[in-house]
Protein backbone atom coordinates (compact mmCIF):
# COMPACT_ATOMS: atom_id res chain seq x y z
CA MET A 1 -26.52 -35.71 -198.21
CA ALA A 2 -28.45 -33.64 -195.80
CA THR A 3 -28.17 -34.06 -192.08
CA THR A 4 -31.22 -33.31 -189.94
CA ARG A 5 -31.54 -31.95 -186.57
CA SER A 6 -34.50 -31.39 -184.46
CA ALA A 7 -35.83 -29.40 -181.60
CA ARG A 8 -39.40 -29.54 -180.06
CA THR A 9 -41.40 -26.85 -178.46
CA VAL A 10 -44.68 -27.46 -176.46
CA TRP A 11 -46.36 -24.06 -175.60
CA ASN A 12 -49.45 -23.80 -173.05
CA GLY A 13 -51.25 -20.52 -172.97
CA ASP A 14 -51.44 -17.09 -174.66
CA LEU A 15 -48.31 -15.56 -175.96
CA PHE A 16 -48.00 -12.89 -172.92
CA SER A 17 -48.77 -14.98 -169.71
CA GLY A 18 -48.16 -18.54 -171.21
CA SER A 19 -45.01 -20.40 -171.14
CA GLY A 20 -43.26 -23.47 -172.89
CA GLN A 21 -40.44 -25.60 -172.98
CA THR A 22 -37.91 -26.20 -176.04
CA THR A 23 -36.21 -29.73 -176.05
CA PHE A 24 -33.19 -30.30 -177.97
CA GLU A 25 -34.18 -33.55 -179.72
CA THR A 26 -31.55 -34.57 -181.52
CA SER A 27 -28.56 -34.26 -179.05
CA GLY A 28 -30.61 -34.91 -176.08
CA ILE A 29 -28.70 -32.08 -174.21
CA GLY A 30 -31.72 -30.85 -172.40
CA THR A 31 -35.17 -28.89 -172.18
CA TYR A 32 -35.21 -25.26 -171.72
CA ASP A 33 -38.22 -23.00 -170.34
CA ILE A 34 -39.21 -20.16 -172.60
CA THR A 35 -41.53 -17.33 -171.94
CA TRP A 36 -42.59 -14.03 -173.58
CA LYS A 37 -41.03 -12.12 -170.41
CA ALA A 38 -37.67 -13.95 -171.39
CA ARG A 39 -37.91 -12.84 -174.82
CA ALA A 40 -38.80 -9.35 -174.64
CA GLU A 41 -37.75 -8.36 -170.92
CA GLN A 42 -35.64 -10.14 -168.71
CA SER A 43 -34.55 -13.85 -169.08
CA GLU A 44 -34.69 -14.65 -165.39
CA GLY A 45 -33.07 -18.15 -166.05
CA LYS A 46 -35.02 -18.81 -169.42
CA THR A 47 -34.09 -18.89 -173.01
CA SER A 48 -35.65 -17.33 -176.06
CA PRO A 49 -35.56 -17.92 -179.71
CA GLU A 50 -32.89 -15.05 -180.20
CA GLU A 51 -30.70 -16.69 -177.64
CA LEU A 52 -30.92 -20.00 -179.53
CA ILE A 53 -30.30 -18.18 -182.81
CA ALA A 54 -27.17 -16.45 -181.12
CA ALA A 55 -25.83 -19.77 -180.11
CA ALA A 56 -26.40 -21.20 -183.67
CA HIS A 57 -24.89 -18.26 -185.33
CA ALA A 58 -21.49 -17.98 -182.84
CA SER A 59 -21.06 -21.83 -183.44
CA CYS A 60 -21.52 -21.86 -186.89
CA TYR A 61 -19.48 -18.57 -187.58
CA SER A 62 -16.49 -20.17 -185.56
CA MET A 63 -16.50 -23.29 -187.39
CA ALA A 64 -16.78 -21.42 -190.81
CA LEU A 65 -13.79 -19.40 -189.68
CA SER A 66 -11.57 -22.37 -188.79
CA ASN A 67 -12.17 -23.71 -192.00
CA VAL A 68 -11.59 -20.60 -194.25
CA LEU A 69 -8.26 -20.15 -192.26
CA LYS A 70 -7.30 -23.74 -192.73
CA GLU A 71 -7.94 -23.29 -196.60
CA ALA A 72 -5.66 -20.19 -196.23
CA GLY A 73 -2.81 -22.19 -194.60
CA PHE A 74 -3.48 -20.88 -191.00
CA ALA A 75 -4.37 -22.94 -188.05
CA PRO A 76 -6.21 -20.85 -185.40
CA GLU A 77 -5.29 -21.33 -181.71
CA SER A 78 -8.29 -19.97 -180.26
CA LEU A 79 -11.50 -18.24 -182.07
CA GLU A 80 -14.09 -16.55 -179.59
CA THR A 81 -17.18 -15.57 -180.97
CA THR A 82 -19.90 -14.07 -179.39
CA ALA A 83 -23.36 -13.14 -181.25
CA GLU A 84 -25.81 -10.50 -179.84
CA VAL A 85 -29.26 -10.86 -181.37
CA ASP A 86 -31.29 -7.98 -180.98
CA PHE A 87 -35.48 -8.35 -180.75
CA ASP A 88 -37.24 -5.34 -181.56
CA THR A 89 -40.69 -5.04 -180.23
CA THR A 90 -41.14 -1.49 -181.21
CA ASN A 91 -40.95 -2.00 -185.05
CA GLY A 92 -42.07 -5.54 -185.12
CA PRO A 93 -41.62 -7.79 -183.65
CA LEU A 94 -38.54 -8.48 -185.54
CA ILE A 95 -34.80 -9.45 -185.23
CA SER A 96 -33.52 -6.10 -186.25
CA GLU A 97 -29.48 -6.53 -185.72
CA ILE A 98 -27.12 -9.44 -185.03
CA ARG A 99 -23.55 -8.38 -183.97
CA LEU A 100 -20.75 -10.91 -184.18
CA VAL A 101 -18.04 -10.07 -182.01
CA LEU A 102 -14.86 -12.18 -182.50
CA LYS A 103 -11.32 -12.47 -180.72
CA ALA A 104 -8.96 -14.55 -182.52
CA THR A 105 -5.35 -15.92 -182.05
CA VAL A 106 -4.11 -16.95 -185.45
CA PRO A 107 -0.07 -17.53 -185.47
CA GLY A 108 1.52 -16.13 -188.69
CA ILE A 109 -1.46 -14.40 -190.04
CA ASP A 110 -1.37 -10.60 -191.01
CA GLU A 111 -4.25 -8.28 -190.25
CA ALA A 112 -5.27 -8.01 -194.48
CA ALA A 113 -5.65 -11.88 -194.41
CA PHE A 114 -7.24 -12.21 -191.29
CA GLU A 115 -9.80 -9.55 -192.20
CA GLU A 116 -10.41 -11.34 -195.60
CA ALA A 117 -11.06 -14.56 -193.79
CA ALA A 118 -13.36 -13.07 -191.07
CA GLN A 119 -15.49 -11.37 -193.80
CA GLY A 120 -15.49 -14.61 -196.12
CA ALA A 121 -16.52 -16.73 -193.22
CA LYS A 122 -19.41 -14.39 -192.08
CA GLU A 123 -20.64 -14.45 -195.76
CA GLY A 124 -20.07 -18.22 -196.14
CA CYS A 125 -21.43 -19.41 -192.97
CA PRO A 126 -24.68 -21.21 -193.47
CA VAL A 127 -26.46 -19.69 -190.45
CA SER A 128 -25.46 -16.19 -191.72
CA LYS A 129 -26.92 -17.09 -195.06
CA ALA A 130 -30.31 -18.36 -193.37
CA LEU A 131 -30.31 -15.08 -191.77
CA ALA A 132 -30.12 -13.12 -194.76
CA SER A 133 -33.45 -11.06 -194.02
CA VAL A 134 -32.00 -9.57 -191.00
CA PRO A 135 -31.55 -6.01 -191.71
CA SER A 136 -28.00 -5.83 -190.15
CA ILE A 137 -25.32 -8.45 -189.28
CA THR A 138 -22.04 -7.02 -188.44
CA LEU A 139 -18.68 -8.32 -187.79
CA ASP A 140 -16.01 -6.89 -185.19
CA ALA A 141 -13.07 -8.93 -185.70
CA THR A 142 -10.03 -8.63 -183.44
CA LEU A 143 -6.81 -10.54 -184.07
CA VAL A 144 -5.08 -11.05 -180.67
CA SER A 145 -1.26 -11.47 -180.79
């Protein structure tokens, strides 16, 4: 059975001088302002599709890794994932790269098992799969003792 989540955006005006608002419909957690300037220049308190993708990817990856670790017999103490999404207007516009940066505390795991779990979660994360057309998705995973 599929679960559906929704967000809605209302945009007014043209791309460069217009503005809009994106609302998280399902959760009701808020409405956020969006502009081209926030997307391609400075955020100035507004969000962008790329920041929303970064949030989705960081959270999905962390959840996927926690499950991979559990299935391998490890209980993570802490998984801190940052997703950095590059929006390239020179060769696009396109999302040219996503970098996942992970700092993890996982008692009892060795470096090899950790790397295997981290890479497996990157490949199995539903958001990673959805973003497969991005030219480069990298992972920098650090096991903290």
